[in-house]
Structure formats: C-alpha cells, structure tokens
Full PDB file with SEQRES, HELIX, SHEET, SSBOND, CRYST1, ORIGX, SCALE, CONECT and MASTER records, all heavy atoms in Angstrom:
SEQRES   1 A   45  LEU TYR ASN ASP VAL SER LYS PHE ALA ALA ALA ASN ASP          
SEQRES   2 A   45  VAL GLN ASP GLY GLY GLN ASN GLN ALA VAL VAL GLN GLU          
SEQRES   3 A   45  ALA LEU GLU ALA MET VAL LEU LEU LEU ALA PRO ILE VAL          
SEQRES   4 A   45  PRO HIS LEU CYS HIS VAL                                      
HELIX    1 AA1 TYR A    2  ALA A   11  1                                  10    
HELIX    2 AA2 GLN A   19  LEU A   35  1                                  17    
HELIX    3 AA3 PRO A   40  HIS A   44  1                                   5    
CRYST1    1.000    1.000    1.000  90.00  90.00  90.00 P 1           1          
ORIGX1      1.000000  0.000000  0.000000        0.00000                         
ORIGX2      0.000000  1.000000  0.000000        0.00000                         
ORIGX3      0.000000  0.000000  1.000000        0.00000                         
SCALE1      1.000000  0.000000  0.000000        0.00000                         
SCALE2      0.000000  1.000000  0.000000        0.00000                         
SCALE3      0.000000  0.000000  1.000000        0.00000                         
ATOM      1  N   LEU A   1      -1.880   9.384   1.680  1.00  0.00           N  
ATOM      2  CA  LEU A   1      -0.899   8.298   1.649  1.00  0.00           C  
ATOM      3  C   LEU A   1      -1.035   7.509   0.358  1.00  0.00           C  
ATOM      4  O   LEU A   1      -0.021   7.150  -0.263  1.00  0.00           O  
ATOM      5  CB  LEU A   1      -1.099   7.379   2.854  1.00  0.00           C  
ATOM      6  CG  LEU A   1      -0.204   6.132   2.911  1.00  0.00           C  
ATOM      7  CD1 LEU A   1       1.265   6.505   2.906  1.00  0.00           C  
ATOM      8  CD2 LEU A   1      -0.549   5.280   4.143  1.00  0.00           C  
ATOM      9  N   TYR A   2      -2.275   7.263  -0.058  1.00  0.00           N  
ATOM     10  CA  TYR A   2      -2.503   6.562  -1.325  1.00  0.00           C  
ATOM     11  C   TYR A   2      -1.847   7.320  -2.482  1.00  0.00           C  
ATOM     12  O   TYR A   2      -1.190   6.715  -3.345  1.00  0.00           O  
ATOM     13  CB  TYR A   2      -4.004   6.411  -1.574  1.00  0.00           C  
ATOM     14  CG  TYR A   2      -4.336   6.074  -3.018  1.00  0.00           C  
ATOM     15  CD1 TYR A   2      -4.325   4.761  -3.465  1.00  0.00           C  
ATOM     16  CD2 TYR A   2      -4.638   7.086  -3.938  1.00  0.00           C  
ATOM     17  CE1 TYR A   2      -4.593   4.456  -4.793  1.00  0.00           C  
ATOM     18  CE2 TYR A   2      -4.898   6.789  -5.256  1.00  0.00           C  
ATOM     19  CZ  TYR A   2      -4.879   5.473  -5.677  1.00  0.00           C  
ATOM     20  OH  TYR A   2      -5.135   5.176  -6.997  1.00  0.00           O  
ATOM     21  N   ASN A   3      -2.010   8.635  -2.518  1.00  0.00           N  
ATOM     22  CA  ASN A   3      -1.424   9.436  -3.604  1.00  0.00           C  
ATOM     23  C   ASN A   3       0.094   9.326  -3.619  1.00  0.00           C  
ATOM     24  O   ASN A   3       0.707   9.168  -4.684  1.00  0.00           O  
ATOM     25  CB  ASN A   3      -1.841  10.905  -3.448  1.00  0.00           C  
ATOM     26  CG  ASN A   3      -3.313  11.129  -3.727  1.00  0.00           C  
ATOM     27  OD1 ASN A   3      -3.947  10.360  -4.460  1.00  0.00           O  
ATOM     28  ND2 ASN A   3      -3.878  12.169  -3.154  1.00  0.00           N  
ATOM     29  N   ASP A   4       0.723   9.392  -2.449  1.00  0.00           N  
ATOM     30  CA  ASP A   4       2.179   9.306  -2.380  1.00  0.00           C  
ATOM     31  C   ASP A   4       2.668   7.930  -2.821  1.00  0.00           C  
ATOM     32  O   ASP A   4       3.671   7.810  -3.542  1.00  0.00           O  
ATOM     33  CB  ASP A   4       2.664   9.601  -0.964  1.00  0.00           C  
ATOM     34  CG  ASP A   4       2.593  11.086  -0.624  1.00  0.00           C  
ATOM     35  OD1 ASP A   4       2.083  11.861  -1.455  1.00  0.00           O  
ATOM     36  OD2 ASP A   4       3.033  11.471   0.478  1.00  0.00           O  
ATOM     37  N   VAL A   5       1.983   6.889  -2.375  1.00  0.00           N  
ATOM     38  CA  VAL A   5       2.390   5.532  -2.745  1.00  0.00           C  
ATOM     39  C   VAL A   5       2.182   5.293  -4.236  1.00  0.00           C  
ATOM     40  O   VAL A   5       3.012   4.653  -4.888  1.00  0.00           O  
ATOM     41  CB  VAL A   5       1.610   4.494  -1.909  1.00  0.00           C  
ATOM     42  CG1 VAL A   5       1.906   3.067  -2.391  1.00  0.00           C  
ATOM     43  CG2 VAL A   5       1.961   4.623  -0.437  1.00  0.00           C  
ATOM     44  N   SER A   6       1.099   5.833  -4.777  1.00  0.00           N  
ATOM     45  CA  SER A   6       0.836   5.676  -6.215  1.00  0.00           C  
ATOM     46  C   SER A   6       1.947   6.318  -7.050  1.00  0.00           C  
ATOM     47  O   SER A   6       2.416   5.742  -8.038  1.00  0.00           O  
ATOM     48  CB  SER A   6      -0.512   6.297  -6.582  1.00  0.00           C  
ATOM     49  OG  SER A   6      -1.571   5.612  -5.958  1.00  0.00           O  
ATOM     50  N   LYS A   7       2.367   7.518  -6.637  1.00  0.00           N  
ATOM     51  CA  LYS A   7       3.442   8.202  -7.358  1.00  0.00           C  
ATOM     52  C   LYS A   7       4.748   7.422  -7.248  1.00  0.00           C  
ATOM     53  O   LYS A   7       5.488   7.285  -8.222  1.00  0.00           O  
ATOM     54  CB  LYS A   7       3.624   9.615  -6.800  1.00  0.00           C  
ATOM     55  CG  LYS A   7       2.450  10.545  -7.079  1.00  0.00           C  
ATOM     56  CD  LYS A   7       2.654  11.895  -6.409  1.00  0.00           C  
ATOM     57  CE  LYS A   7       1.448  12.802  -6.636  1.00  0.00           C  
ATOM     58  NZ  LYS A   7       1.595  14.104  -5.925  1.00  0.00           N  
ATOM     59  N   PHE A   8       5.015   6.898  -6.063  1.00  0.00           N  
ATOM     60  CA  PHE A   8       6.238   6.116  -5.868  1.00  0.00           C  
ATOM     61  C   PHE A   8       6.201   4.847  -6.714  1.00  0.00           C  
ATOM     62  O   PHE A   8       7.199   4.469  -7.336  1.00  0.00           O  
ATOM     63  CB  PHE A   8       6.400   5.758  -4.391  1.00  0.00           C  
ATOM     64  CG  PHE A   8       7.648   4.978  -4.082  1.00  0.00           C  
ATOM     65  CD1 PHE A   8       8.860   5.626  -3.891  1.00  0.00           C  
ATOM     66  CD2 PHE A   8       7.615   3.590  -3.979  1.00  0.00           C  
ATOM     67  CE1 PHE A   8      10.016   4.910  -3.610  1.00  0.00           C  
ATOM     68  CE2 PHE A   8       8.758   2.867  -3.701  1.00  0.00           C  
ATOM     69  CZ  PHE A   8       9.966   3.527  -3.509  1.00  0.00           C  
ATOM     70  N   ALA A   9       5.041   4.187  -6.739  1.00  0.00           N  
ATOM     71  CA  ALA A   9       4.908   2.951  -7.508  1.00  0.00           C  
ATOM     72  C   ALA A   9       5.038   3.200  -9.003  1.00  0.00           C  
ATOM     73  O   ALA A   9       5.543   2.357  -9.752  1.00  0.00           O  
ATOM     74  CB  ALA A   9       3.567   2.288  -7.196  1.00  0.00           C  
ATOM     75  N   ALA A  10       4.577   4.367  -9.457  1.00  0.00           N  
ATOM     76  CA  ALA A  10       4.665   4.689 -10.885  1.00  0.00           C  
ATOM     77  C   ALA A  10       6.099   4.975 -11.313  1.00  0.00           C  
ATOM     78  O   ALA A  10       6.455   4.774 -12.480  1.00  0.00           O  
ATOM     79  CB  ALA A  10       3.777   5.890 -11.198  1.00  0.00           C  
ATOM     80  N   ALA A  11       6.925   5.424 -10.371  1.00  0.00           N  
ATOM     81  CA  ALA A  11       8.299   5.816 -10.712  1.00  0.00           C  
ATOM     82  C   ALA A  11       9.326   4.755 -10.365  1.00  0.00           C  
ATOM     83  O   ALA A  11      10.507   4.896 -10.720  1.00  0.00           O  
ATOM     84  CB  ALA A  11       8.649   7.112  -9.989  1.00  0.00           C  
ATOM     85  N   ASN A  12       8.910   3.690  -9.675  1.00  0.00           N  
ATOM     86  CA  ASN A  12       9.870   2.684  -9.223  1.00  0.00           C  
ATOM     87  C   ASN A  12       9.332   1.273  -9.428  1.00  0.00           C  
ATOM     88  O   ASN A  12       8.116   1.061  -9.545  1.00  0.00           O  
ATOM     89  CB  ASN A  12      10.194   2.879  -7.739  1.00  0.00           C  
ATOM     90  CG  ASN A  12      10.807   4.222  -7.429  1.00  0.00           C  
ATOM     91  OD1 ASN A  12      12.013   4.403  -7.543  1.00  0.00           O  
ATOM     92  ND2 ASN A  12       9.976   5.181  -7.031  1.00  0.00           N  
ATOM     93  N   ASP A  13      10.236   0.322  -9.455  1.00  0.00           N  
ATOM     94  CA  ASP A  13       9.864  -1.090  -9.517  1.00  0.00           C  
ATOM     95  C   ASP A  13       9.539  -1.546  -8.101  1.00  0.00           C  
ATOM     96  O   ASP A  13      10.434  -1.748  -7.283  1.00  0.00           O  
ATOM     97  CB  ASP A  13      11.013  -1.917 -10.100  1.00  0.00           C  
ATOM     98  CG  ASP A  13      10.697  -3.416 -10.105  1.00  0.00           C  
ATOM     99  OD1 ASP A  13       9.528  -3.772  -9.859  1.00  0.00           O  
ATOM    100  OD2 ASP A  13      11.631  -4.214 -10.348  1.00  0.00           O  
ATOM    101  N   VAL A  14       8.250  -1.686  -7.808  1.00  0.00           N  
ATOM    102  CA  VAL A  14       7.851  -2.053  -6.452  1.00  0.00           C  
ATOM    103  C   VAL A  14       7.695  -3.561  -6.294  1.00  0.00           C  
ATOM    104  O   VAL A  14       7.218  -4.031  -5.260  1.00  0.00           O  
ATOM    105  CB  VAL A  14       6.544  -1.330  -6.055  1.00  0.00           C  
ATOM    106  CG1 VAL A  14       6.759   0.167  -6.021  1.00  0.00           C  
ATOM    107  CG2 VAL A  14       5.403  -1.698  -6.983  1.00  0.00           C  
ATOM    108  N   GLN A  15       8.085  -4.311  -7.297  1.00  0.00           N  
ATOM    109  CA  GLN A  15       8.117  -5.768  -7.195  1.00  0.00           C  
ATOM    110  C   GLN A  15       9.556  -6.256  -7.295  1.00  0.00           C  
ATOM    111  O   GLN A  15       9.844  -7.330  -7.815  1.00  0.00           O  
ATOM    112  CB  GLN A  15       7.266  -6.393  -8.313  1.00  0.00           C  
ATOM    113  CG  GLN A  15       5.827  -5.935  -8.351  1.00  0.00           C  
ATOM    114  CD  GLN A  15       4.989  -6.413  -7.170  1.00  0.00           C  
ATOM    115  OE1 GLN A  15       3.838  -6.035  -7.005  1.00  0.00           O  
ATOM    116  NE2 GLN A  15       5.553  -7.269  -6.330  1.00  0.00           N  
ATOM    117  N   ASP A  16      10.484  -5.453  -6.768  1.00  0.00           N  
ATOM    118  CA  ASP A  16      11.910  -5.735  -6.921  1.00  0.00           C  
ATOM    119  C   ASP A  16      12.431  -6.754  -5.919  1.00  0.00           C  
ATOM    120  O   ASP A  16      13.601  -7.141  -5.966  1.00  0.00           O  
ATOM    121  CB  ASP A  16      12.723  -4.443  -6.789  1.00  0.00           C  
ATOM    122  CG  ASP A  16      12.571  -3.782  -5.412  1.00  0.00           C  
ATOM    123  OD1 ASP A  16      11.675  -4.218  -4.646  1.00  0.00           O  
ATOM    124  OD2 ASP A  16      13.332  -2.851  -5.115  1.00  0.00           O  
ATOM    125  N   GLY A  17      11.576  -7.202  -5.000  1.00  0.00           N  
ATOM    126  CA  GLY A  17      12.038  -8.126  -3.983  1.00  0.00           C  
ATOM    127  C   GLY A  17      12.948  -7.472  -2.968  1.00  0.00           C  
ATOM    128  O   GLY A  17      13.570  -8.142  -2.147  1.00  0.00           O  
ATOM    129  N   GLY A  18      13.043  -6.153  -3.021  1.00  0.00           N  
ATOM    130  CA  GLY A  18      13.908  -5.403  -2.119  1.00  0.00           C  
ATOM    131  C   GLY A  18      13.141  -4.370  -1.334  1.00  0.00           C  
ATOM    132  O   GLY A  18      11.963  -4.547  -1.014  1.00  0.00           O  
ATOM    133  N   GLN A  19      13.790  -3.242  -1.062  1.00  0.00           N  
ATOM    134  CA  GLN A  19      13.211  -2.234  -0.176  1.00  0.00           C  
ATOM    135  C   GLN A  19      12.075  -1.443  -0.802  1.00  0.00           C  
ATOM    136  O   GLN A  19      11.219  -0.930  -0.089  1.00  0.00           O  
ATOM    137  CB  GLN A  19      14.313  -1.301   0.332  1.00  0.00           C  
ATOM    138  CG  GLN A  19      15.314  -1.992   1.251  1.00  0.00           C  
ATOM    139  CD  GLN A  19      14.619  -2.740   2.386  1.00  0.00           C  
ATOM    140  OE1 GLN A  19      13.948  -2.148   3.218  1.00  0.00           O  
ATOM    141  NE2 GLN A  19      14.765  -4.066   2.410  1.00  0.00           N  
ATOM    142  N   ASN A  20      12.045  -1.321  -2.125  1.00  0.00           N  
ATOM    143  CA  ASN A  20      10.882  -0.695  -2.768  1.00  0.00           C  
ATOM    144  C   ASN A  20       9.620  -1.482  -2.430  1.00  0.00           C  
ATOM    145  O   ASN A  20       8.588  -0.926  -2.033  1.00  0.00           O  
ATOM    146  CB  ASN A  20      11.055  -0.644  -4.288  1.00  0.00           C  
ATOM    147  CG  ASN A  20      11.975   0.465  -4.731  1.00  0.00           C  
ATOM    148  OD1 ASN A  20      12.256   1.390  -3.971  1.00  0.00           O  
ATOM    149  ND2 ASN A  20      12.454   0.391  -5.966  1.00  0.00           N  
ATOM    150  N   GLN A  21       9.705  -2.785  -2.600  1.00  0.00           N  
ATOM    151  CA  GLN A  21       8.559  -3.641  -2.322  1.00  0.00           C  
ATOM    152  C   GLN A  21       8.217  -3.635  -0.833  1.00  0.00           C  
ATOM    153  O   GLN A  21       7.036  -3.626  -0.457  1.00  0.00           O  
ATOM    154  CB  GLN A  21       8.857  -5.075  -2.780  1.00  0.00           C  
ATOM    155  CG  GLN A  21       7.660  -6.015  -2.688  1.00  0.00           C  
ATOM    156  CD  GLN A  21       7.933  -7.352  -3.359  1.00  0.00           C  
ATOM    157  OE1 GLN A  21       9.017  -7.591  -3.876  1.00  0.00           O  
ATOM    158  NE2 GLN A  21       6.932  -8.211  -3.380  1.00  0.00           N  
ATOM    159  N   ALA A  22       9.230  -3.594   0.009  1.00  0.00           N  
ATOM    160  CA  ALA A  22       9.004  -3.635   1.455  1.00  0.00           C  
ATOM    161  C   ALA A  22       8.252  -2.400   1.947  1.00  0.00           C  
ATOM    162  O   ALA A  22       7.273  -2.511   2.701  1.00  0.00           O  
ATOM    163  CB  ALA A  22      10.340  -3.768   2.190  1.00  0.00           C  
ATOM    164  N   VAL A  23       8.690  -1.206   1.532  1.00  0.00           N  
ATOM    165  CA  VAL A  23       8.038   0.010   2.034  1.00  0.00           C  
ATOM    166  C   VAL A  23       6.637   0.174   1.448  1.00  0.00           C  
ATOM    167  O   VAL A  23       5.736   0.688   2.119  1.00  0.00           O  
ATOM    168  CB  VAL A  23       8.890   1.269   1.749  1.00  0.00           C  
ATOM    169  CG1 VAL A  23      10.207   1.207   2.503  1.00  0.00           C  
ATOM    170  CG2 VAL A  23       9.128   1.469   0.258  1.00  0.00           C  
ATOM    171  N   VAL A  24       6.438  -0.282   0.209  1.00  0.00           N  
ATOM    172  CA  VAL A  24       5.107  -0.191  -0.397  1.00  0.00           C  
ATOM    173  C   VAL A  24       4.150  -1.165   0.283  1.00  0.00           C  
ATOM    174  O   VAL A  24       2.997  -0.822   0.569  1.00  0.00           O  
ATOM    175  CB  VAL A  24       5.170  -0.449  -1.913  1.00  0.00           C  
ATOM    176  CG1 VAL A  24       3.772  -0.639  -2.494  1.00  0.00           C  
ATOM    177  CG2 VAL A  24       5.861   0.713  -2.610  1.00  0.00           C  
ATOM    178  N   GLN A  25       4.610  -2.389   0.552  1.00  0.00           N  
ATOM    179  CA  GLN A  25       3.733  -3.343   1.230  1.00  0.00           C  
ATOM    180  C   GLN A  25       3.352  -2.839   2.617  1.00  0.00           C  
ATOM    181  O   GLN A  25       2.194  -2.953   3.043  1.00  0.00           O  
ATOM    182  CB  GLN A  25       4.413  -4.713   1.347  1.00  0.00           C  
ATOM    183  CG  GLN A  25       3.527  -5.740   2.063  1.00  0.00           C  
ATOM    184  CD  GLN A  25       3.856  -7.166   1.709  1.00  0.00           C  
ATOM    185  OE1 GLN A  25       4.469  -7.444   0.672  1.00  0.00           O  
ATOM    186  NE2 GLN A  25       3.444  -8.096   2.550  1.00  0.00           N  
ATOM    187  N   GLU A  26       4.311  -2.255   3.325  1.00  0.00           N  
ATOM    188  CA  GLU A  26       4.013  -1.694   4.641  1.00  0.00           C  
ATOM    189  C   GLU A  26       2.959  -0.592   4.536  1.00  0.00           C  
ATOM    190  O   GLU A  26       2.032  -0.521   5.349  1.00  0.00           O  
ATOM    191  CB  GLU A  26       5.291  -1.139   5.269  1.00  0.00           C  
ATOM    192  CG  GLU A  26       5.094  -0.594   6.674  1.00  0.00           C  
ATOM    193  CD  GLU A  26       6.361  -0.003   7.262  1.00  0.00           C  
ATOM    194  OE1 GLU A  26       7.218   0.477   6.486  1.00  0.00           O  
ATOM    195  OE2 GLU A  26       6.495   0.006   8.502  1.00  0.00           O  
ATOM    196  N   ALA A  27       3.071   0.246   3.515  1.00  0.00           N  
ATOM    197  CA  ALA A  27       2.118   1.339   3.324  1.00  0.00           C  
ATOM    198  C   ALA A  27       0.738   0.811   2.958  1.00  0.00           C  
ATOM    199  O   ALA A  27      -0.286   1.289   3.473  1.00  0.00           O  
ATOM    200  CB  ALA A  27       2.625   2.288   2.235  1.00  0.00           C  
ATOM    201  N   LEU A  28       0.685  -0.189   2.067  1.00  0.00           N  
ATOM    202  CA  LEU A  28      -0.600  -0.748   1.642  1.00  0.00           C  
ATOM    203  C   LEU A  28      -1.301  -1.440   2.808  1.00  0.00           C  
ATOM    204  O   LEU A  28      -2.524  -1.317   2.978  1.00  0.00           O  
ATOM    205  CB  LEU A  28      -0.394  -1.725   0.487  1.00  0.00           C  
ATOM    206  CG  LEU A  28       0.149  -1.127  -0.819  1.00  0.00           C  
ATOM    207  CD1 LEU A  28       0.324  -2.224  -1.866  1.00  0.00           C  
ATOM    208  CD2 LEU A  28      -0.763  -0.027  -1.352  1.00  0.00           C  
ATOM    209  N   GLU A  29      -0.544  -2.184   3.603  1.00  0.00           N  
ATOM    210  CA  GLU A  29      -1.143  -2.844   4.759  1.00  0.00           C  
ATOM    211  C   GLU A  29      -1.683  -1.815   5.749  1.00  0.00           C  
ATOM    212  O   GLU A  29      -2.758  -2.009   6.331  1.00  0.00           O  
ATOM    213  CB  GLU A  29      -0.113  -3.751   5.433  1.00  0.00           C  
ATOM    214  CG  GLU A  29       0.233  -4.988   4.619  1.00  0.00           C  
ATOM    215  CD  GLU A  29       1.239  -5.889   5.320  1.00  0.00           C  
ATOM    216  OE1 GLU A  29       1.772  -5.475   6.378  1.00  0.00           O  
ATOM    217  OE2 GLU A  29       1.492  -6.996   4.808  1.00  0.00           O  
ATOM    218  N   ALA A  30      -0.950  -0.728   5.924  1.00  0.00           N  
ATOM    219  CA  ALA A  30      -1.418   0.330   6.822  1.00  0.00           C  
ATOM    220  C   ALA A  30      -2.724   0.934   6.307  1.00  0.00           C  
ATOM    221  O   ALA A  30      -3.664   1.162   7.087  1.00  0.00           O  
ATOM    222  CB  ALA A  30      -0.349   1.412   6.965  1.00  0.00           C  
ATOM    223  N   MET A  31      -2.804   1.196   5.004  1.00  0.00           N  
ATOM    224  CA  MET A  31      -4.024   1.769   4.432  1.00  0.00           C  
ATOM    225  C   MET A  31      -5.217   0.857   4.664  1.00  0.00           C  
ATOM    226  O   MET A  31      -6.315   1.314   5.030  1.00  0.00           O  
ATOM    227  CB  MET A  31      -3.835   2.028   2.935  1.00  0.00           C  
ATOM    228  CG  MET A  31      -3.069   3.286   2.615  1.00  0.00           C  
ATOM    229  SD  MET A  31      -3.118   3.696   0.847  1.00  0.00           S  
ATOM    230  CE  MET A  31      -1.741   2.734   0.250  1.00  0.00           C  
ATOM    231  N   VAL A  32      -5.028  -0.432   4.452  1.00  0.00           N  
ATOM    232  CA  VAL A  32      -6.123  -1.388   4.624  1.00  0.00           C  
ATOM    233  C   VAL A  32      -6.571  -1.431   6.083  1.00  0.00           C  
ATOM    234  O   VAL A  32      -7.775  -1.398   6.383  1.00  0.00           O  
ATOM    235  CB  VAL A  32      -5.689  -2.785   4.137  1.00  0.00           C  
ATOM    236  CG1 VAL A  32      -6.730  -3.831   4.528  1.00  0.00           C  
ATOM    237  CG2 VAL A  32      -5.495  -2.781   2.623  1.00  0.00           C  
ATOM    238  N   LEU A  33      -5.631  -1.490   7.001  1.00  0.00           N  
ATOM    239  CA  LEU A  33      -5.980  -1.541   8.418  1.00  0.00           C  
ATOM    240  C   LEU A  33      -6.667  -0.259   8.878  1.00  0.00           C  
ATOM    241  O   LEU A  33      -7.625  -0.295   9.663  1.00  0.00           O  
ATOM    242  CB  LEU A  33      -4.715  -1.776   9.252  1.00  0.00           C  
ATOM    243  CG  LEU A  33      -4.105  -3.183   9.164  1.00  0.00           C  
ATOM    244  CD1 LEU A  33      -2.710  -3.193   9.777  1.00  0.00           C  
ATOM    245  CD2 LEU A  33      -4.996  -4.203   9.856  1.00  0.00           C  
ATOM    246  N   LEU A  34      -6.185   0.878   8.396  1.00  0.00           N  
ATOM    247  CA  LEU A  34      -6.739   2.169   8.827  1.00  0.00           C  
ATOM    248  C   LEU A  34      -8.129   2.420   8.260  1.00  0.00           C  
ATOM    249  O   LEU A  34      -8.949   3.105   8.884  1.00  0.00           O  
ATOM    250  CB  LEU A  34      -5.794   3.298   8.424  1.00  0.00           C  
ATOM    251  CG  LEU A  34      -4.399   3.280   9.071  1.00  0.00           C  
ATOM    252  CD1 LEU A  34      -3.529   4.382   8.500  1.00  0.00           C  
ATOM    253  CD2 LEU A  34      -4.499   3.400  10.584  1.00  0.00           C  
ATOM    254  N   LEU A  35      -8.412   1.878   7.088  1.00  0.00           N  
ATOM    255  CA  LEU A  35      -9.730   2.062   6.474  1.00  0.00           C  
ATOM    256  C   LEU A  35     -10.739   0.989   6.891  1.00  0.00           C  
ATOM    257  O   LEU A  35     -11.935   1.133   6.625  1.00  0.00           O  
ATOM    258  CB  LEU A  35      -9.611   2.056   4.948  1.00  0.00           C  
ATOM    259  CG  LEU A  35      -9.072   3.322   4.287  1.00  0.00           C  
ATOM    260  CD1 LEU A  35      -8.951   3.114   2.778  1.00  0.00           C  
ATOM    261  CD2 LEU A  35      -9.963   4.532   4.570  1.00  0.00           C  
ATOM    262  N   ALA A  36     -10.267  -0.070   7.546  1.00  0.00           N  
ATOM    263  CA  ALA A  36     -11.143  -1.189   7.882  1.00  0.00           C  
ATOM    264  C   ALA A  36     -12.385  -0.802   8.682  1.00  0.00           C  
ATOM    265  O   ALA A  36     -13.464  -1.338   8.432  1.00  0.00           O  
ATOM    266  CB  ALA A  36     -10.350  -2.266   8.619  1.00  0.00           C  
ATOM    267  N   PRO A  37     -12.295   0.131   9.650  1.00  0.00           N  
ATOM    268  CA  PRO A  37     -13.523   0.500  10.363  1.00  0.00           C  
ATOM    269  C   PRO A  37     -14.564   1.171   9.465  1.00  0.00           C  
ATOM    270  O   PRO A  37     -15.756   1.173   9.792  1.00  0.00           O  
ATOM    271  CB  PRO A  37     -13.017   1.480  11.435  1.00  0.00           C  
ATOM    272  CG  PRO A  37     -11.575   1.143  11.625  1.00  0.00           C  
ATOM    273  CD  PRO A  37     -11.106   0.769  10.256  1.00  0.00           C  
ATOM    274  N   ILE A  38     -14.138   1.748   8.355  1.00  0.00           N  
ATOM    275  CA  ILE A  38     -15.051   2.460   7.456  1.00  0.00           C  
ATOM    276  C   ILE A  38     -15.544   1.555   6.339  1.00  0.00           C  
ATOM    277  O   ILE A  38     -16.737   1.533   6.023  1.00  0.00           O  
ATOM    278  CB  ILE A  38     -14.355   3.700   6.838  1.00  0.00           C  
ATOM    279  CG1 ILE A  38     -13.716   4.559   7.932  1.00  0.00           C  
ATOM    280  CG2 ILE A  38     -15.347   4.504   6.018  1.00  0.00           C  
ATOM    281  CD1 ILE A  38     -14.679   5.178   8.893  1.00  0.00           C  
ATOM    282  N   VAL A  39     -14.633   0.810   5.723  1.00  0.00           N  
ATOM    283  CA  VAL A  39     -14.994  -0.058   4.584  1.00  0.00           C  
ATOM    284  C   VAL A  39     -14.519  -1.488   4.888  1.00  0.00           C  
ATOM    285  O   VAL A  39     -13.560  -1.978   4.292  1.00  0.00           O  
ATOM    286  CB  VAL A  39     -14.402   0.464   3.258  1.00  0.00           C  
ATOM    287  CG1 VAL A  39     -15.171   1.668   2.777  1.00  0.00           C  
ATOM    288  CG2 VAL A  39     -12.926   0.848   3.415  1.00  0.00           C  
ATOM    289  N   PRO A  40     -15.176  -2.175   5.805  1.00  0.00           N  
ATOM    290  CA  PRO A  40     -14.678  -3.471   6.289  1.00  0.00           C  
ATOM    291  C   PRO A  40     -14.671  -4.585   5.255  1.00  0.00           C  
ATOM    292  O   PRO A  40     -13.773  -5.423   5.250  1.00  0.00           O  
ATOM    293  CB  PRO A  40     -15.628  -3.789   7.451  1.00  0.00           C  
ATOM    294  CG  PRO A  40     -16.886  -3.031   7.134  1.00  0.00           C  
ATOM    295  CD  PRO A  40     -16.427  -1.776   6.468  1.00  0.00           C  
ATOM    296  N   HIS A  41     -15.681  -4.617   4.380  1.00  0.00           N  
ATOM    297  CA  HIS A  41     -15.776  -5.726   3.426  1.00  0.00           C  
ATOM    298  C   HIS A  41     -14.649  -5.662   2.402  1.00  0.00           C  
ATOM    299  O   HIS A  41     -13.968  -6.659   2.123  1.00  0.00           O  
ATOM    300  CB  HIS A  41     -17.143  -5.701   2.721  1.00  0.00           C  
ATOM    301  CG  HIS A  41     -18.300  -5.605   3.670  1.00  0.00           C  
ATOM    302  ND1 HIS A  41     -18.853  -4.394   4.029  1.00  0.00           N  
ATOM    303  CD2 HIS A  41     -18.980  -6.555   4.353  1.00  0.00           C  
ATOM    304  CE1 HIS A  41     -19.848  -4.608   4.878  1.00  0.00           C  
ATOM    305  NE2 HIS A  41     -19.940  -5.904   5.091  1.00  0.00           N  
ATOM    306  N   LEU A  42     -14.444  -4.477   1.838  1.00  0.00           N  
ATOM    307  CA  LEU A  42     -13.365  -4.275   0.881  1.00  0.00           C  
ATOM    308  C   LEU A  42     -12.018  -4.593   1.520  1.00  0.00           C  
ATOM    309  O   LEU A  42     -11.188  -5.308   0.938  1.00  0.00           O  
ATOM    310  CB  LEU A  42     -13.380  -2.829   0.382  1.00  0.00           C  
ATOM    311  CG  LEU A  42     -12.160  -2.383  -0.436  1.00  0.00           C  
ATOM    312  CD1 LEU A  42     -12.272  -2.905  -1.854  1.00  0.00           C  
ATOM    313  CD2 LEU A  42     -12.031  -0.865  -0.430  1.00  0.00           C  
ATOM    314  N   CYS A  43     -11.797  -4.079   2.708  1.00  0.00           N  
ATOM    315  CA  CYS A  43     -10.495  -4.236   3.350  1.00  0.00           C  
ATOM    316  C   CYS A  43     -10.218  -5.688   3.727  1.00  0.00           C  
ATOM    317  O   CYS A  43      -9.058  -6.115   3.726  1.00  0.00           O  
ATOM    318  CB  CYS A  43     -10.403  -3.332   4.581  1.00  0.00           C  
ATOM    319  SG  CYS A  43     -10.308  -1.565   4.158  1.00  0.00           S  
ATOM    320  N   HIS A  44     -11.250  -6.439   4.052  1.00  0.00           N  
ATOM    321  CA  HIS A  44     -11.054  -7.859   4.357  1.00  0.00           C  
ATOM    322  C   HIS A  44     -10.467  -8.592   3.153  1.00  0.00           C  
ATOM    323  O   HIS A  44      -9.518  -9.373   3.284  1.00  0.00           O  
ATOM    324  CB  HIS A  44     -12.383  -8.504   4.761  1.00  0.00           C  
ATOM    325  CG  HIS A  44     -12.291  -9.988   4.970  1.00  0.00           C  
ATOM    326  ND1 HIS A  44     -11.857 -10.551   6.148  1.00  0.00           N  
ATOM    327  CD2 HIS A  44     -12.558 -11.023   4.137  1.00  0.00           C  
ATOM    328  CE1 HIS A  44     -11.864 -11.868   6.034  1.00  0.00           C  
ATOM    329  NE2 HIS A  44     -12.284 -12.179   4.834  1.00  0.00           N  
ATOM    330  N   VAL A  45     -11.012  -8.324   1.975  1.00  0.00           N  
ATOM    331  CA  VAL A  45     -10.518  -8.966   0.753  1.00  0.00           C  
ATOM    332  C   VAL A  45      -9.106  -8.500   0.429  1.00  0.00           C  
ATOM    333  O   VAL A  45      -8.230  -9.302   0.079  1.00  0.00           O  
ATOM    334  CB  VAL A  45     -11.474  -8.683  -0.431  1.00  0.00           C  
ATOM    335  CG1 VAL A  45     -10.928  -9.285  -1.718  1.00  0.00           C  
ATOM    336  CG2 VAL A  45     -12.865  -9.228  -0.141  1.00  0.00           C  
TER     337      VAL A  45                                                      
MASTER        0    0    0    3    0    0    0    6  336    1    0    4          
END                                                                             
C-alpha cells in the first residue's frame, strides 16, 4: 500500500484540497493504524 500511495503522490498533487488529498489521507491513516501493533511509538507520532 505504501508503494502504491508513493507512486500516486509522485504523479499527483496530493495537497489539492480535493479528492487526491482525501484518498491519500485515508490511505496514510490506514497504514498508521494497521502498523500500530508492530511499531507503536512511531505510529503514535
């Protein structure tokens, strides 16, 4: 998921205040929540 989001972010303006930013934020939040049991300190920040 990180690889897909990175490629999308490199090819698009993900700070557009629109749907690019919305889907990327949803993906990033999911990554943080899903990794929290493994890397809790990093994910908290």
